[in-house]
Amino acid sequence: MGIKIPANYRYTETHEWAKKNNDKTIIVGISEYAIHELGDIVFLELPEIESQIEQGEPFGSIESVKAVSDLLAPVSGRIIQVNESIQDAPEELADTTYEDGWLIEIEVGDISDIDDLMTAEEYISYIKKESEEEIEIIEEEI
């Protein structure tokens, strides 16, 4: 079946995804590829609501049985929502990466900042260099 990469999301080199929620906010999560590489997720640390974050800077961390990794902000802005249900049950990320597995919602000053991130096609080319996994683009919007 392969690893799915939604075509309507944007991606970072550190495997976070970003999706426009409306004209002022962006939803952020981590890609199915990242979850596959990390293995079983055991802990997730997310920021406080109202925290300011800067693009490329850590906003939290994710711990698996293999490693602890920083989560890096794909865009700068203010945290307006944190997914507490996934923070309380991080093992569910494997099943809900793109649906209920979002991590934070960011209010941004300029929604076009998301356009600086990789498209699905660019992200697939990027991860194909790192992996032999079969990569599949989900063509419909999630």
C-alpha atoms as a PDB file:
ATOM      1  CA  MET A   1       0.000   0.000   0.000  1.00  0.00           C
ATOM      2  CA  GLY A   2       2.748   2.465   0.782  1.00  0.00           C
ATOM      3  CA  ILE A   3       3.066   5.685   2.683  1.00  0.00           C
ATOM      4  CA  LYS A   4       0.387   8.248   1.934  1.00  0.00           C
ATOM      5  CA  ILE A   5       1.118  11.921   1.385  1.00  0.00           C
ATOM      6  CA  PRO A   6      -1.964  14.147   0.960  1.00  0.00           C
ATOM      7  CA  ALA A   7      -1.652  16.287  -2.157  1.00  0.00           C
ATOM      8  CA  ASN A   8      -3.279  19.364  -0.565  1.00  0.00           C
ATOM      9  CA  TYR A   9      -0.869  19.635   2.383  1.00  0.00           C
ATOM     10  CA  ARG A  10       2.578  21.283   2.564  1.00  0.00           C
ATOM     11  CA  TYR A  11       5.665  19.680   4.134  1.00  0.00           C
ATOM     12  CA  THR A  12       8.983  20.449   5.837  1.00  0.00           C
ATOM     13  CA  GLU A  13      12.317  18.657   5.547  1.00  0.00           C
ATOM     14  CA  THR A  14      11.819  17.570   9.163  1.00  0.00           C
ATOM     15  CA  HIS A  15       8.536  15.842   8.183  1.00  0.00           C
ATOM     16  CA  GLU A  16       5.935  18.166   9.692  1.00  0.00           C
ATOM     17  CA  TRP A  17       2.875  18.837   7.562  1.00  0.00           C
ATOM     18  CA  ALA A  18       0.886  22.059   7.369  1.00  0.00           C
ATOM     19  CA  LYS A  19      -2.606  22.645   6.037  1.00  0.00           C
ATOM     20  CA  LYS A  20      -4.538  25.895   5.671  1.00  0.00           C
ATOM     21  CA  ASN A  21      -7.504  25.813   8.019  1.00  0.00           C
ATOM     22  CA  ASN A  22      -8.854  29.217   6.982  1.00  0.00           C
ATOM     23  CA  ASP A  23      -7.443  32.620   5.937  1.00  0.00           C
ATOM     24  CA  LYS A  24      -5.614  33.079   9.240  1.00  0.00           C
ATOM     25  CA  THR A  25      -4.774  29.661  10.672  1.00  0.00           C
ATOM     26  CA  ILE A  26      -2.703  26.634   9.785  1.00  0.00           C
ATOM     27  CA  ILE A  27      -3.073  23.131  11.224  1.00  0.00           C
ATOM     28  CA  VAL A  28       0.213  21.273  11.843  1.00  0.00           C
ATOM     29  CA  GLY A  29       1.008  17.580  12.268  1.00  0.00           C
ATOM     30  CA  ILE A  30       3.690  15.068  11.352  1.00  0.00           C
ATOM     31  CA  SER A  31       3.750  12.980   8.204  1.00  0.00           C
ATOM     32  CA  GLU A  32       2.923   9.307   7.899  1.00  0.00           C
ATOM     33  CA  TYR A  33       6.519   8.831   6.727  1.00  0.00           C
ATOM     34  CA  ALA A  34       7.834  10.300  10.016  1.00  0.00           C
ATOM     35  CA  ILE A  35       5.539   8.055  12.065  1.00  0.00           C
ATOM     36  CA  HIS A  36       6.682   5.036  10.046  1.00  0.00           C
ATOM     37  CA  GLU A  37      10.345   5.909  10.639  1.00  0.00           C
ATOM     38  CA  LEU A  38       9.873   6.627  14.366  1.00  0.00           C
ATOM     39  CA  GLY A  39       7.966   3.446  15.164  1.00  0.00           C
ATOM     40  CA  ASP A  40       5.711   3.213  18.230  1.00  0.00           C
ATOM     41  CA  ILE A  41       5.069   6.687  19.656  1.00  0.00           C
ATOM     42  CA  VAL A  42       5.132   6.739  23.472  1.00  0.00           C
ATOM     43  CA  PHE A  43       5.160  10.443  24.429  1.00  0.00           C
ATOM     44  CA  LEU A  44       4.255  13.780  22.880  1.00  0.00           C
ATOM     45  CA  GLU A  45       5.096  17.203  24.315  1.00  0.00           C
ATOM     46  CA  LEU A  46       3.180  20.123  22.818  1.00  0.00           C
ATOM     47  CA  PRO A  47       3.292  23.862  23.603  1.00  0.00           C
ATOM     48  CA  GLU A  48       0.900  25.945  25.654  1.00  0.00           C
ATOM     49  CA  ILE A  49      -1.919  27.828  23.930  1.00  0.00           C
ATOM     50  CA  GLU A  50      -0.916  31.473  23.253  1.00  0.00           C
ATOM     51  CA  SER A  51       2.768  30.509  22.860  1.00  0.00           C
ATOM     52  CA  GLN A  52       4.609  32.323  20.073  1.00  0.00           C
ATOM     53  CA  ILE A  53       6.593  30.047  17.760  1.00  0.00           C
ATOM     54  CA  GLU A  54       9.150  30.798  15.067  1.00  0.00           C
ATOM     55  CA  GLN A  55       9.528  28.969  11.776  1.00  0.00           C
ATOM     56  CA  GLY A  56      12.218  26.293  12.021  1.00  0.00           C
ATOM     57  CA  GLU A  57      12.354  26.444  15.831  1.00  0.00           C
ATOM     58  CA  PRO A  58      11.201  23.611  18.152  1.00  0.00           C
ATOM     59  CA  PHE A  59       7.621  23.822  19.420  1.00  0.00           C
ATOM     60  CA  GLY A  60       7.561  20.428  21.127  1.00  0.00           C
ATOM     61  CA  SER A  61       8.955  16.922  20.984  1.00  0.00           C
ATOM     62  CA  ILE A  62       7.916  13.417  20.057  1.00  0.00           C
ATOM     63  CA  GLU A  63       9.301  10.277  21.655  1.00  0.00           C
ATOM     64  CA  SER A  64       9.174   6.796  20.212  1.00  0.00           C
ATOM     65  CA  VAL A  65      10.703   3.510  21.244  1.00  0.00           C
ATOM     66  CA  LYS A  66      13.574   4.426  18.874  1.00  0.00           C
ATOM     67  CA  ALA A  67      14.303   8.113  19.541  1.00  0.00           C
ATOM     68  CA  VAL A  68      13.263  11.522  20.843  1.00  0.00           C
ATOM     69  CA  SER A  69      12.885  14.182  18.151  1.00  0.00           C
ATOM     70  CA  ASP A  70      12.098  17.887  18.202  1.00  0.00           C
ATOM     71  CA  LEU A  71       8.982  19.059  16.395  1.00  0.00           C
ATOM     72  CA  LEU A  72       9.889  22.137  14.326  1.00  0.00           C
ATOM     73  CA  ALA A  73       7.456  24.888  13.416  1.00  0.00           C
ATOM     74  CA  PRO A  74       6.699  25.017   9.681  1.00  0.00           C
ATOM     75  CA  VAL A  75       5.579  28.659  10.014  1.00  0.00           C
ATOM     76  CA  SER A  76       5.788  31.434  12.606  1.00  0.00           C
ATOM     77  CA  GLY A  77       2.769  32.475  14.633  1.00  0.00           C
ATOM     78  CA  ARG A  78       0.759  32.074  17.808  1.00  0.00           C
ATOM     79  CA  ILE A  79      -0.566  28.737  19.063  1.00  0.00           C
ATOM     80  CA  ILE A  80      -4.340  28.999  19.323  1.00  0.00           C
ATOM     81  CA  GLN A  81      -5.182  25.328  19.781  1.00  0.00           C
ATOM     82  CA  VAL A  82      -3.416  22.153  20.920  1.00  0.00           C
ATOM     83  CA  ASN A  83      -4.767  18.662  20.240  1.00  0.00           C
ATOM     84  CA  GLU A  84      -4.951  17.428  23.831  1.00  0.00           C
ATOM     85  CA  SER A  85      -6.573  14.123  22.872  1.00  0.00           C
ATOM     86  CA  ILE A  86      -3.575  13.116  20.737  1.00  0.00           C
ATOM     87  CA  GLN A  87      -1.198  14.403  23.421  1.00  0.00           C
ATOM     88  CA  ASP A  88      -2.943  12.106  25.921  1.00  0.00           C
ATOM     89  CA  ALA A  89      -2.863   9.117  23.532  1.00  0.00           C
ATOM     90  CA  PRO A  90       0.139   9.648  21.181  1.00  0.00           C
ATOM     91  CA  GLU A  91       0.102   6.022  20.075  1.00  0.00           C
ATOM     92  CA  GLU A  92      -3.018   6.900  18.051  1.00  0.00           C
ATOM     93  CA  LEU A  93      -0.925   9.047  15.687  1.00  0.00           C
ATOM     94  CA  ALA A  94      -0.169   5.938  13.641  1.00  0.00           C
ATOM     95  CA  ASP A  95      -3.869   5.548  12.793  1.00  0.00           C
ATOM     96  CA  THR A  96      -4.925   9.191  12.501  1.00  0.00           C
ATOM     97  CA  THR A  97      -1.894  11.042  11.168  1.00  0.00           C
ATOM     98  CA  TYR A  98      -3.826  13.279   8.772  1.00  0.00           C
ATOM     99  CA  GLU A  99      -7.304  13.270  10.278  1.00  0.00           C
ATOM    100  CA  ASP A 100      -7.521  13.504  14.068  1.00  0.00           C
ATOM    101  CA  GLY A 101      -3.742  13.325  14.528  1.00  0.00           C
ATOM    102  CA  TRP A 102      -3.046  17.026  14.050  1.00  0.00           C
ATOM    103  CA  LEU A 103      -0.852  18.564  16.760  1.00  0.00           C
ATOM    104  CA  ILE A 104      -1.371  22.333  16.867  1.00  0.00           C
ATOM    105  CA  GLU A 105      -3.250  25.160  15.192  1.00  0.00           C
ATOM    106  CA  ILE A 106      -1.259  28.314  14.506  1.00  0.00           C
ATOM    107  CA  GLU A 107      -2.598  31.803  13.860  1.00  0.00           C
ATOM    108  CA  VAL A 108      -0.233  33.345  11.328  1.00  0.00           C
ATOM    109  CA  GLY A 109       0.447  36.910  10.293  1.00  0.00           C
ATOM    110  CA  ASP A 110       0.700  35.958   6.627  1.00  0.00           C
ATOM    111  CA  ILE A 111      -1.110  32.829   5.425  1.00  0.00           C
ATOM    112  CA  SER A 112       1.080  32.781   2.296  1.00  0.00           C
ATOM    113  CA  ASP A 113       4.042  31.665   4.473  1.00  0.00           C
ATOM    114  CA  ILE A 114       2.735  28.138   3.926  1.00  0.00           C
ATOM    115  CA  ASP A 115       3.588  28.491   0.226  1.00  0.00           C
ATOM    116  CA  ASP A 116       7.307  28.413   1.134  1.00  0.00           C
ATOM    117  CA  LEU A 117       6.963  24.773   2.257  1.00  0.00           C
ATOM    118  CA  MET A 118       7.342  21.745  -0.019  1.00  0.00           C
ATOM    119  CA  THR A 119       4.416  20.558  -2.093  1.00  0.00           C
ATOM    120  CA  ALA A 120       3.448  16.884  -1.861  1.00  0.00           C
ATOM    121  CA  GLU A 121       5.389  16.142  -5.048  1.00  0.00           C
ATOM    122  CA  GLU A 122       8.501  17.920  -3.734  1.00  0.00           C
ATOM    123  CA  TYR A 123       8.189  16.125  -0.404  1.00  0.00           C
ATOM    124  CA  ILE A 124       7.897  12.735  -2.105  1.00  0.00           C
ATOM    125  CA  SER A 125      11.078  13.416  -4.094  1.00  0.00           C
ATOM    126  CA  TYR A 126      12.781  14.468  -0.869  1.00  0.00           C
ATOM    127  CA  ILE A 127      11.837  11.342   1.109  1.00  0.00           C
ATOM    128  CA  LYS A 128      12.538   8.993  -1.795  1.00  0.00           C
ATOM    129  CA  LYS A 129      16.179  10.035  -1.394  1.00  0.00           C
ATOM    130  CA  GLU A 130      16.002   8.883   2.251  1.00  0.00           C
ATOM    131  CA  SER A 131      14.000   5.698   1.890  1.00  0.00           C
ATOM    132  CA  GLU A 132      13.200   2.741  -0.297  1.00  0.00           C
ATOM    133  CA  GLU A 133       9.553   2.831   0.819  1.00  0.00           C
ATOM    134  CA  GLU A 134       6.790   2.933  -1.757  1.00  0.00           C
ATOM    135  CA  ILE A 135       5.326   6.429  -1.703  1.00  0.00           C
ATOM    136  CA  GLU A 136       1.736   7.072  -2.684  1.00  0.00           C
ATOM    137  CA  ILE A 137       0.074  10.482  -3.047  1.00  0.00           C
ATOM    138  CA  ILE A 138      -3.503  10.732  -1.845  1.00  0.00           C
ATOM    139  CA  GLU A 139      -5.131  12.773  -4.575  1.00  0.00           C
ATOM    140  CA  GLU A 140      -8.299  13.734  -2.700  1.00  0.00           C
ATOM    141  CA  GLU A 141      -8.301  16.377  -0.021  1.00  0.00           C
ATOM    142  CA  ILE A 142      -8.372  15.167   3.544  1.00  0.00           C
END
